[in-house]
C-alpha atoms as a PDB file:
ATOM      1  CA  MET A   1     -22.434 -33.581  65.127  1.00  0.00           C
ATOM      2  CA  THR A   2     -24.352 -36.189  64.034  1.00  0.00           C
ATOM      3  CA  VAL A   3     -27.608 -38.056  64.425  1.00  0.00           C
ATOM      4  CA  VAL A   4     -28.035 -41.589  62.924  1.00  0.00           C
ATOM      5  CA  VAL A   5     -31.476 -43.874  63.277  1.00  0.00           C
ATOM      6  CA  ALA A   6     -31.860 -47.357  62.523  1.00  0.00           C
ATOM      7  CA  CYS A   7     -35.044 -49.680  61.774  1.00  0.00           C
ATOM      8  CA  ASN A   8     -34.925 -53.664  61.616  1.00  0.00           C
ATOM      9  CA  LEU A   9     -37.744 -54.468  60.088  1.00  0.00           C
ATOM     10  CA  PRO A  10     -39.293 -57.959  58.961  1.00  0.00           C
ATOM     11  CA  ASP A  11     -39.374 -56.323  55.304  1.00  0.00           C
ATOM     12  CA  GLY A  12     -36.019 -54.416  55.586  1.00  0.00           C
ATOM     13  CA  VAL A  13     -33.526 -52.573  57.367  1.00  0.00           C
ATOM     14  CA  ILE A  14     -33.284 -48.178  56.579  1.00  0.00           C
ATOM     15  CA  LEU A  15     -30.751 -45.709  58.033  1.00  0.00           C
ATOM     16  CA  GLY A  16     -31.343 -41.957  58.175  1.00  0.00           C
ATOM     17  CA  THR A  17     -28.823 -39.205  59.037  1.00  0.00           C
ATOM     18  CA  ASP A  18     -29.059 -35.818  59.177  1.00  0.00           C
ATOM     19  CA  SER A  19     -26.375 -33.591  56.762  1.00  0.00           C
ATOM     20  CA  ALA A  20     -24.911 -31.135  58.779  1.00  0.00           C
ATOM     21  CA  VAL A  21     -21.172 -31.216  59.998  1.00  0.00           C
ATOM     22  CA  THR A  22     -19.772 -28.919  63.265  1.00  0.00           C
ATOM     23  CA  LEU A  23     -15.829 -27.783  62.842  1.00  0.00           C
ATOM     24  CA  ASP A  24     -14.755 -26.503  65.837  1.00  0.00           C
ATOM     25  CA  SER A  25     -11.353 -23.695  65.959  1.00  0.00           C
ATOM     26  CA  SER A  26      -9.496 -21.865  67.853  1.00  0.00           C
ATOM     27  CA  SER A  27     -11.503 -18.669  66.453  1.00  0.00           C
ATOM     28  CA  ALA A  28     -15.141 -19.855  65.659  1.00  0.00           C
ATOM     29  CA  ARG A  29     -17.199 -22.756  65.736  1.00  0.00           C
ATOM     30  CA  GLN A  30     -18.382 -23.160  61.210  1.00  0.00           C
ATOM     31  CA  VAL A  31     -21.540 -25.758  60.269  1.00  0.00           C
ATOM     32  CA  LEU A  32     -22.044 -27.174  57.226  1.00  0.00           C
ATOM     33  CA  VAL A  33     -25.144 -28.825  56.316  1.00  0.00           C
ATOM     34  CA  HIS A  34     -24.384 -30.670  52.962  1.00  0.00           C
ATOM     35  CA  LYS A  35     -22.254 -33.430  54.670  1.00  0.00           C
ATOM     36  CA  GLU A  36     -22.517 -37.036  53.651  1.00  0.00           C
ATOM     37  CA  LYS A  37     -23.236 -39.530  56.054  1.00  0.00           C
ATOM     38  CA  LEU A  38     -24.672 -42.441  55.150  1.00  0.00           C
ATOM     39  CA  PHE A  39     -22.791 -45.170  52.293  1.00  0.00           C
ATOM     40  CA  ALA A  40     -23.937 -48.160  50.366  1.00  0.00           C
ATOM     41  CA  LEU A  41     -20.944 -50.529  50.198  1.00  0.00           C
ATOM     42  CA  LYS A  42     -21.210 -51.378  46.738  1.00  0.00           C
ATOM     43  CA  ASN A  43     -22.828 -54.926  45.486  1.00  0.00           C
ATOM     44  CA  LYS A  44     -23.483 -55.336  48.867  1.00  0.00           C
ATOM     45  CA  PRO A  45     -27.246 -55.117  50.145  1.00  0.00           C
ATOM     46  CA  ILE A  46     -25.351 -53.238  52.887  1.00  0.00           C
ATOM     47  CA  GLY A  47     -25.158 -49.144  54.504  1.00  0.00           C
ATOM     48  CA  VAL A  48     -23.351 -47.484  56.417  1.00  0.00           C
ATOM     49  CA  ALA A  49     -23.710 -44.692  58.406  1.00  0.00           C
ATOM     50  CA  ALA A  50     -20.939 -42.491  60.553  1.00  0.00           C
ATOM     51  CA  TYR A  51     -21.167 -40.728  63.348  1.00  0.00           C
ATOM     52  CA  GLY A  52     -19.258 -38.406  65.523  1.00  0.00           C
ATOM     53  CA  ILE A  53     -15.673 -37.151  63.928  1.00  0.00           C
ATOM     54  CA  THR A  54     -16.354 -36.381  60.264  1.00  0.00           C
ATOM     55  CA  GLY A  55     -12.947 -37.039  59.193  1.00  0.00           C
ATOM     56  CA  ILE A  56      -9.307 -38.873  60.298  1.00  0.00           C
ATOM     57  CA  GLY A  57      -6.673 -36.808  59.424  1.00  0.00           C
ATOM     58  CA  PRO A  58      -6.747 -35.321  56.177  1.00  0.00           C
ATOM     59  CA  ARG A  59      -9.450 -37.631  55.034  1.00  0.00           C
ATOM     60  CA  THR A  60     -13.282 -37.928  55.199  1.00  0.00           C
ATOM     61  CA  ILE A  61     -14.860 -40.520  56.250  1.00  0.00           C
ATOM     62  CA  ARG A  62     -16.251 -41.465  52.789  1.00  0.00           C
ATOM     63  CA  SER A  63     -12.761 -41.350  52.142  1.00  0.00           C
ATOM     64  CA  TYR A  64     -12.370 -43.916  54.191  1.00  0.00           C
ATOM     65  CA  ILE A  65     -14.980 -46.067  52.757  1.00  0.00           C
ATOM     66  CA  ASN A  66     -14.487 -45.606  49.705  1.00  0.00           C
ATOM     67  CA  GLU A  67     -11.210 -47.074  49.643  1.00  0.00           C
ATOM     68  CA  PHE A  68     -12.240 -49.620  51.497  1.00  0.00           C
ATOM     69  CA  THR A  69     -14.812 -50.301  48.792  1.00  0.00           C
ATOM     70  CA  VAL A  70     -11.489 -50.520  46.106  1.00  0.00           C
ATOM     71  CA  THR A  71      -9.117 -51.790  47.906  1.00  0.00           C
ATOM     72  CA  ASP A  72     -11.483 -55.034  49.765  1.00  0.00           C
ATOM     73  CA  PRO A  73      -9.759 -55.989  52.842  1.00  0.00           C
ATOM     74  CA  ASN A  74      -9.970 -59.102  53.391  1.00  0.00           C
ATOM     75  CA  GLY A  75     -12.219 -59.752  50.282  1.00  0.00           C
ATOM     76  CA  VAL A  76     -15.150 -59.177  51.874  1.00  0.00           C
ATOM     77  CA  MET A  77     -16.641 -57.518  48.912  1.00  0.00           C
ATOM     78  CA  THR A  78     -16.088 -60.077  46.769  1.00  0.00           C
ATOM     79  CA  GLU A  79     -17.051 -62.530  47.812  1.00  0.00           C
ATOM     80  CA  SER A  80     -20.562 -63.410  49.315  1.00  0.00           C
ATOM     81  CA  CYS A  81     -20.853 -63.384  53.070  1.00  0.00           C
ATOM     82  CA  GLU A  82     -22.431 -62.613  55.937  1.00  0.00           C
ATOM     83  CA  ILE A  83     -22.730 -59.723  57.215  1.00  0.00           C
ATOM     84  CA  SER A  84     -21.135 -59.928  60.526  1.00  0.00           C
ATOM     85  CA  ARG A  85     -17.753 -60.753  58.418  1.00  0.00           C
ATOM     86  CA  VAL A  86     -17.708 -57.516  56.811  1.00  0.00           C
ATOM     87  CA  VAL A  87     -18.644 -55.455  59.701  1.00  0.00           C
ATOM     88  CA  GLU A  88     -15.248 -56.917  61.137  1.00  0.00           C
ATOM     89  CA  SER A  89     -13.526 -56.050  58.306  1.00  0.00           C
ATOM     90  CA  LEU A  90     -14.787 -52.590  58.331  1.00  0.00           C
ATOM     91  CA  ARG A  91     -13.686 -52.899  62.236  1.00  0.00           C
ATOM     92  CA  SER A  92     -10.449 -53.398  61.440  1.00  0.00           C
ATOM     93  CA  PHE A  93      -9.664 -51.477  58.777  1.00  0.00           C
ATOM     94  CA  PHE A  94     -10.733 -48.303  60.307  1.00  0.00           C
ATOM     95  CA  GLN A  95      -9.102 -49.674  63.794  1.00  0.00           C
ATOM     96  CA  GLN A  96      -5.413 -49.492  61.767  1.00  0.00           C
ATOM     97  CA  ILE A  97      -6.223 -45.977  60.238  1.00  0.00           C
ATOM     98  CA  TYR A  98      -7.235 -44.798  63.744  1.00  0.00           C
ATOM     99  CA  LYS A  99      -4.226 -46.235  65.289  1.00  0.00           C
ATOM    100  CA  ARG A 100      -2.220 -44.754  63.230  1.00  0.00           C
ATOM    101  CA  ASN A 101      -3.470 -41.037  63.308  1.00  0.00           C
ATOM    102  CA  PHE A 102      -3.904 -41.022  66.939  1.00  0.00           C
ATOM    103  CA  GLY A 103      -1.484 -43.895  68.644  1.00  0.00           C
ATOM    104  CA  GLU A 104      -2.667 -46.100  71.486  1.00  0.00           C
ATOM    105  CA  LYS A 105      -4.286 -43.489  73.482  1.00  0.00           C
ATOM    106  CA  PRO A 106      -7.611 -43.073  73.271  1.00  0.00           C
ATOM    107  CA  GLY A 107      -8.888 -40.189  70.918  1.00  0.00           C
ATOM    108  CA  PRO A 108     -11.569 -38.436  69.523  1.00  0.00           C
ATOM    109  CA  PHE A 109     -15.096 -40.683  68.633  1.00  0.00           C
ATOM    110  CA  LEU A 110     -16.228 -42.834  65.689  1.00  0.00           C
ATOM    111  CA  GLY A 111     -19.407 -44.630  65.716  1.00  0.00           C
ATOM    112  CA  LEU A 112     -21.138 -46.868  62.813  1.00  0.00           C
ATOM    113  CA  ALA A 113     -24.204 -47.919  62.139  1.00  0.00           C
ATOM    114  CA  VAL A 114     -24.271 -50.847  60.003  1.00  0.00           C
ATOM    115  CA  ALA A 115     -27.466 -52.484  58.472  1.00  0.00           C
ATOM    116  CA  GLY A 116     -28.366 -55.313  55.399  1.00  0.00           C
ATOM    117  CA  PHE A 117     -28.694 -58.318  54.684  1.00  0.00           C
ATOM    118  CA  SER A 118     -26.401 -61.392  54.761  1.00  0.00           C
ATOM    119  CA  PRO A 119     -26.494 -63.388  51.726  1.00  0.00           C
ATOM    120  CA  ASN A 120     -29.741 -66.082  51.511  1.00  0.00           C
ATOM    121  CA  ALA A 121     -31.007 -64.205  54.636  1.00  0.00           C
ATOM    122  CA  TYR A 122     -34.756 -63.059  54.891  1.00  0.00           C
ATOM    123  CA  HIS A 123     -34.482 -61.169  57.630  1.00  0.00           C
ATOM    124  CA  GLY A 124     -32.005 -57.626  58.231  1.00  0.00           C
ATOM    125  CA  GLU A 125     -29.413 -56.841  61.034  1.00  0.00           C
ATOM    126  CA  ILE A 126     -28.147 -53.568  62.348  1.00  0.00           C
ATOM    127  CA  TRP A 127     -24.814 -54.172  64.281  1.00  0.00           C
ATOM    128  CA  GLN A 128     -22.253 -50.592  65.817  1.00  0.00           C
ATOM    129  CA  ILE A 129     -18.600 -50.773  65.856  1.00  0.00           C
ATOM    130  CA  HIS A 130     -17.828 -47.915  68.550  1.00  0.00           C
ATOM    131  CA  LEU A 131     -13.979 -46.488  67.936  1.00  0.00           C
ATOM    132  CA  PRO A 132     -11.599 -46.513  70.284  1.00  0.00           C
ATOM    133  CA  GLU A 133     -13.794 -48.740  72.321  1.00  0.00           C
ATOM    134  CA  HIS A 134     -13.662 -51.189  69.747  1.00  0.00           C
ATOM    135  CA  SER A 135     -10.316 -52.168  69.108  1.00  0.00           C
ATOM    136  CA  LYS A 136     -10.501 -55.692  69.640  1.00  0.00           C
ATOM    137  CA  PRO A 137     -11.195 -58.695  67.363  1.00  0.00           C
ATOM    138  CA  ASP A 138     -15.006 -59.075  67.057  1.00  0.00           C
ATOM    139  CA  SER A 139     -15.833 -56.491  69.209  1.00  0.00           C
ATOM    140  CA  ALA A 140     -18.512 -55.183  66.896  1.00  0.00           C
ATOM    141  CA  VAL A 141     -21.865 -55.521  68.495  1.00  0.00           C
ATOM    142  CA  CYS A 142     -25.147 -56.837  67.011  1.00  0.00           C
ATOM    143  CA  VAL A 143     -28.074 -54.819  68.449  1.00  0.00           C
ATOM    144  CA  HIS A 144     -30.687 -56.156  66.626  1.00  0.00           C
ATOM    145  CA  GLY A 145     -29.766 -59.545  64.901  1.00  0.00           C
ATOM    146  CA  GLN A 146     -32.408 -61.303  62.405  1.00  0.00           C
ATOM    147  CA  GLY A 147     -35.615 -62.022  63.439  1.00  0.00           C
ATOM    148  CA  SER A 148     -35.103 -58.668  66.128  1.00  0.00           C
ATOM    149  CA  PHE A 149     -37.010 -56.149  65.394  1.00  0.00           C
ATOM    150  CA  GLY A 150     -36.474 -52.520  66.908  1.00  0.00           C
ATOM    151  CA  THR A 151     -35.384 -48.979  66.612  1.00  0.00           C
ATOM    152  CA  THR A 152     -31.471 -47.404  67.264  1.00  0.00           C
ATOM    153  CA  TRP A 153     -30.766 -43.466  67.347  1.00  0.00           C
ATOM    154  CA  HIS A 154     -27.378 -42.386  68.376  1.00  0.00           C
ATOM    155  CA  GLY A 155     -25.190 -39.399  68.099  1.00  0.00           C
ATOM    156  CA  GLU A 156     -27.128 -36.714  68.529  1.00  0.00           C
ATOM    157  CA  SER A 157     -30.054 -38.200  69.859  1.00  0.00           C
ATOM    158  CA  ILE A 158     -31.471 -36.890  73.294  1.00  0.00           C
ATOM    159  CA  PRO A 159     -34.123 -35.625  72.053  1.00  0.00           C
ATOM    160  CA  ILE A 160     -35.499 -39.228  70.562  1.00  0.00           C
ATOM    161  CA  ALA A 161     -34.461 -40.648  73.515  1.00  0.00           C
ATOM    162  CA  ARG A 162     -36.810 -38.412  75.680  1.00  0.00           C
ATOM    163  CA  PHE A 163     -40.093 -39.082  73.294  1.00  0.00           C
ATOM    164  CA  LEU A 164     -39.921 -42.474  72.830  1.00  0.00           C
ATOM    165  CA  LEU A 165     -38.602 -43.116  76.612  1.00  0.00           C
ATOM    166  CA  GLY A 166     -40.132 -40.748  77.906  1.00  0.00           C
ATOM    167  CA  TYR A 167     -36.939 -39.530  80.452  1.00  0.00           C
ATOM    168  CA  ASP A 168     -32.834 -38.782  79.858  1.00  0.00           C
ATOM    169  CA  GLU A 169     -30.402 -41.086  81.244  1.00  0.00           C
ATOM    170  CA  ARG A 170     -28.688 -38.414  82.602  1.00  0.00           C
ATOM    171  CA  ALA A 171     -31.846 -37.094  84.879  1.00  0.00           C
ATOM    172  CA  ILE A 172     -32.090 -41.099  85.948  1.00  0.00           C
ATOM    173  CA  GLU A 173     -28.647 -40.894  87.024  1.00  0.00           C
ATOM    174  CA  GLU A 174     -28.148 -37.519  88.682  1.00  0.00           C
ATOM    175  CA  LEU A 175     -31.745 -39.768  90.669  1.00  0.00           C
ATOM    176  CA  LYS A 176     -29.529 -42.113  91.348  1.00  0.00           C
ATOM    177  CA  LYS A 177     -26.759 -40.846  93.134  1.00  0.00           C
ATOM    178  CA  TYR A 178     -29.265 -38.158  95.260  1.00  0.00           C
ATOM    179  CA  PHE A 179     -30.738 -41.035  96.652  1.00  0.00           C
ATOM    180  CA  GLU A 180     -27.895 -42.807  97.148  1.00  0.00           C
ATOM    181  CA  LYS A 181     -26.582 -39.815  99.115  1.00  0.00           C
ATOM    182  CA  VAL A 182     -28.958 -39.198 101.238  1.00  0.00           C
ATOM    183  CA  SER A 183     -29.724 -43.077 102.063  1.00  0.00           C
ATOM    184  CA  GLY A 184     -25.630 -43.011 102.541  1.00  0.00           C
ATOM    185  CA  LYS A 185     -25.584 -46.796 100.414  1.00  0.00           C
ATOM    186  CA  SER A 186     -25.164 -47.403  96.478  1.00  0.00           C
ATOM    187  CA  PHE A 187     -27.843 -49.030  94.373  1.00  0.00           C
ATOM    188  CA  ILE A 188     -28.070 -52.259  94.918  1.00  0.00           C
ATOM    189  CA  LYS A 189     -28.817 -54.312  91.542  1.00  0.00           C
ATOM    190  CA  ALA A 190     -31.919 -55.777  92.616  1.00  0.00           C
ATOM    191  CA  GLU A 191     -32.930 -51.685  92.749  1.00  0.00           C
ATOM    192  CA  HIS A 192     -31.271 -50.803  89.637  1.00  0.00           C
ATOM    193  CA  GLU A 193     -33.585 -53.556  88.190  1.00  0.00           C
ATOM    194  CA  ALA A 194     -36.793 -52.683  89.788  1.00  0.00           C
ATOM    195  CA  VAL A 195     -36.419 -48.880  89.079  1.00  0.00           C
ATOM    196  CA  SER A 196     -35.500 -50.559  84.919  1.00  0.00           C
ATOM    197  CA  LYS A 197     -39.154 -51.827  85.143  1.00  0.00           C
ATOM    198  CA  ILE A 198     -40.973 -49.179  86.460  1.00  0.00           C
ATOM    199  CA  LEU A 199     -39.065 -46.834  83.690  1.00  0.00           C
ATOM    200  CA  GLU A 200     -40.249 -49.399  81.270  1.00  0.00           C
ATOM    201  CA  ARG A 201     -43.971 -49.405  81.340  1.00  0.00           C
ATOM    202  CA  TYR A 202     -43.861 -45.958  80.389  1.00  0.00           C
ATOM    203  CA  GLU A 203     -41.688 -46.311  77.366  1.00  0.00           C
ATOM    204  CA  TRP A 204     -43.615 -45.933  73.980  1.00  0.00           C
ATOM    205  CA  SER A 205     -43.676 -49.548  72.146  1.00  0.00           C
ATOM    206  CA  LEU A 206     -44.299 -49.164  68.416  1.00  0.00           C
ATOM    207  CA  PRO A 207     -45.606 -52.869  66.613  1.00  0.00           C
ATOM    208  CA  TYR A 208     -41.852 -52.536  64.547  1.00  0.00           C
ATOM    209  CA  SER A 209     -43.076 -56.402  63.868  1.00  0.00           C
ATOM    210  CA  ASN A 210     -45.977 -55.136  61.979  1.00  0.00           C
ATOM    211  CA  MET A 211     -44.666 -51.564  59.820  1.00  0.00           C
ATOM    212  CA  SER A 212     -44.066 -51.439  56.324  1.00  0.00           C
ATOM    213  CA  ILE A 213     -40.726 -50.395  54.742  1.00  0.00           C
ATOM    214  CA  GLU A 214     -42.851 -47.106  54.032  1.00  0.00           C
ATOM    215  CA  ASP A 215     -44.109 -46.096  56.969  1.00  0.00           C
ATOM    216  CA  GLY A 216     -40.112 -46.947  58.432  1.00  0.00           C
ATOM    217  CA  LEU A 217     -38.800 -44.226  56.521  1.00  0.00           C
ATOM    218  CA  LEU A 218     -41.571 -41.894  57.413  1.00  0.00           C
ATOM    219  CA  TYR A 219     -40.924 -43.076  61.262  1.00  0.00           C
ATOM    220  CA  ALA A 220     -36.634 -42.763  60.514  1.00  0.00           C
ATOM    221  CA  ARG A 221     -37.817 -39.185  58.620  1.00  0.00           C
ATOM    222  CA  PHE A 222     -40.274 -37.991  61.962  1.00  0.00           C
ATOM    223  CA  LEU A 223     -37.462 -39.275  64.698  1.00  0.00           C
ATOM    224  CA  ILE A 224     -34.358 -37.217  62.898  1.00  0.00           C
ATOM    225  CA  ASN A 225     -37.018 -34.455  62.325  1.00  0.00           C
ATOM    226  CA  ILE A 226     -37.079 -34.301  66.018  1.00  0.00           C
ATOM    227  CA  THR A 227     -33.705 -33.986  66.904  1.00  0.00           C
ATOM    228  CA  ILE A 228     -33.156 -31.412  63.671  1.00  0.00           C
ATOM    229  CA  ASN A 229     -36.106 -29.265  65.007  1.00  0.00           C
ATOM    230  CA  TYR A 230     -35.717 -29.054  68.643  1.00  0.00           C
ATOM    231  CA  TYR A 231     -31.490 -27.738  68.025  1.00  0.00           C
ATOM    232  CA  ARG A 232     -33.672 -25.342  65.424  1.00  0.00           C
ATOM    233  CA  LEU A 233     -36.384 -24.070  68.069  1.00  0.00           C
ATOM    234  CA  ALA A 234     -34.718 -24.135  71.403  1.00  0.00           C
ATOM    235  CA  GLY A 235     -31.815 -21.460  70.310  1.00  0.00           C
ATOM    236  CA  GLN A 236     -29.440 -23.995  70.415  1.00  0.00           C
ATOM    237  CA  PRO A 237     -26.257 -24.306  67.808  1.00  0.00           C
ATOM    238  CA  PRO A 238     -26.884 -25.861  64.605  1.00  0.00           C
ATOM    239  CA  ILE A 239     -25.157 -28.842  64.918  1.00  0.00           C
ATOM    240  CA  VAL A 240     -27.765 -31.003  63.751  1.00  0.00           C
ATOM    241  CA  GLY A 241     -29.931 -30.179  60.933  1.00  0.00           C
ATOM    242  CA  GLY A 242     -29.749 -29.594  57.224  1.00  0.00           C
ATOM    243  CA  LYS A 243     -31.077 -32.615  54.372  1.00  0.00           C
ATOM    244  CA  ILE A 244     -32.303 -36.257  55.741  1.00  0.00           C
ATOM    245  CA  ILE A 245     -30.744 -38.724  53.942  1.00  0.00           C
ATOM    246  CA  LEU A 246     -32.910 -42.342  54.706  1.00  0.00           C
ATOM    247  CA  GLY A 247     -31.603 -45.663  52.981  1.00  0.00           C
ATOM    248  CA  ARG A 248     -32.938 -48.958  52.731  1.00  0.00           C
ATOM    249  CA  ALA A 249     -32.223 -52.622  51.774  1.00  0.00           C
ATOM    250  CA  ILE A 250     -35.383 -55.335  51.202  1.00  0.00           C
ATOM    251  CA  TYR A 251     -34.706 -58.734  50.654  1.00  0.00           C
ATOM    252  CA  GLN A 252     -33.268 -59.966  47.809  1.00  0.00           C
ATOM    253  CA  ASP A 253     -31.793 -56.465  47.076  1.00  0.00           C
ATOM    254  CA  ASN A 254     -28.383 -56.749  45.482  1.00  0.00           C
ATOM    255  CA  ASP A 255     -28.036 -53.084  47.042  1.00  0.00           C
ATOM    256  CA  PHE A 256     -28.240 -51.051  49.848  1.00  0.00           C
ATOM    257  CA  HIS A 257     -30.292 -47.426  47.978  1.00  0.00           C
ATOM    258  CA  ILE A 258     -29.789 -44.207  49.694  1.00  0.00           C
ATOM    259  CA  LEU A 259     -33.113 -42.163  48.771  1.00  0.00           C
ATOM    260  CA  ARG A 260     -32.548 -38.765  47.533  1.00  0.00           C
ATOM    261  CA  ASP A 261     -35.115 -35.787  47.808  1.00  0.00           C
END
């Protein structure tokens, strides 16, 4: 399992992950704590963080990222092109591999968080690719475009959501079902919106528009640590853990830099 944090800030983008992976077999569960899940695309100010399954077929996600970089499908690695084109090329590349291994039926979940810069852009972008959901062309989602500053979290990130939002989405859904059962009617759109507005008032609002890259790196590390320490202290299997790996790209960078402790 994995936790991924992605930050889009005025001065650049940040991706962070833990380094643990869980291998399940019929007899035991094994947790490895030295897995690479954050990758830099060669000669591009773009990083990719993987969550969900740790490999497809006999190969790791890292192996496929290397293949993507070397074979350069659609020429996106050698051309100067928008990050949206790189994301679509990544989506198409992994969709073909996914379909070849799992067929037409929905298989296990693979997520890719992509963060970086387009040429001549002074603000970054954050995208997400979910397979098998994003099987159609141009179906990847831009969660933070240029000038949209904020944080997203992916994978085993319920502790982060509870910390920042103040609630667990699962509890909200359960409460809705309870009130629907008691009242004998379904929630209407206006009621959904009213509940959402109440919850939003109690979410923690952070000044992302004034956050520096240095503070953003501290913030991403802090959020990942919340998840790691939850599993460590709550007596849960340590499916999130190991080292925290961070990376960043800033304006005029030619590469995405992975920062080693």
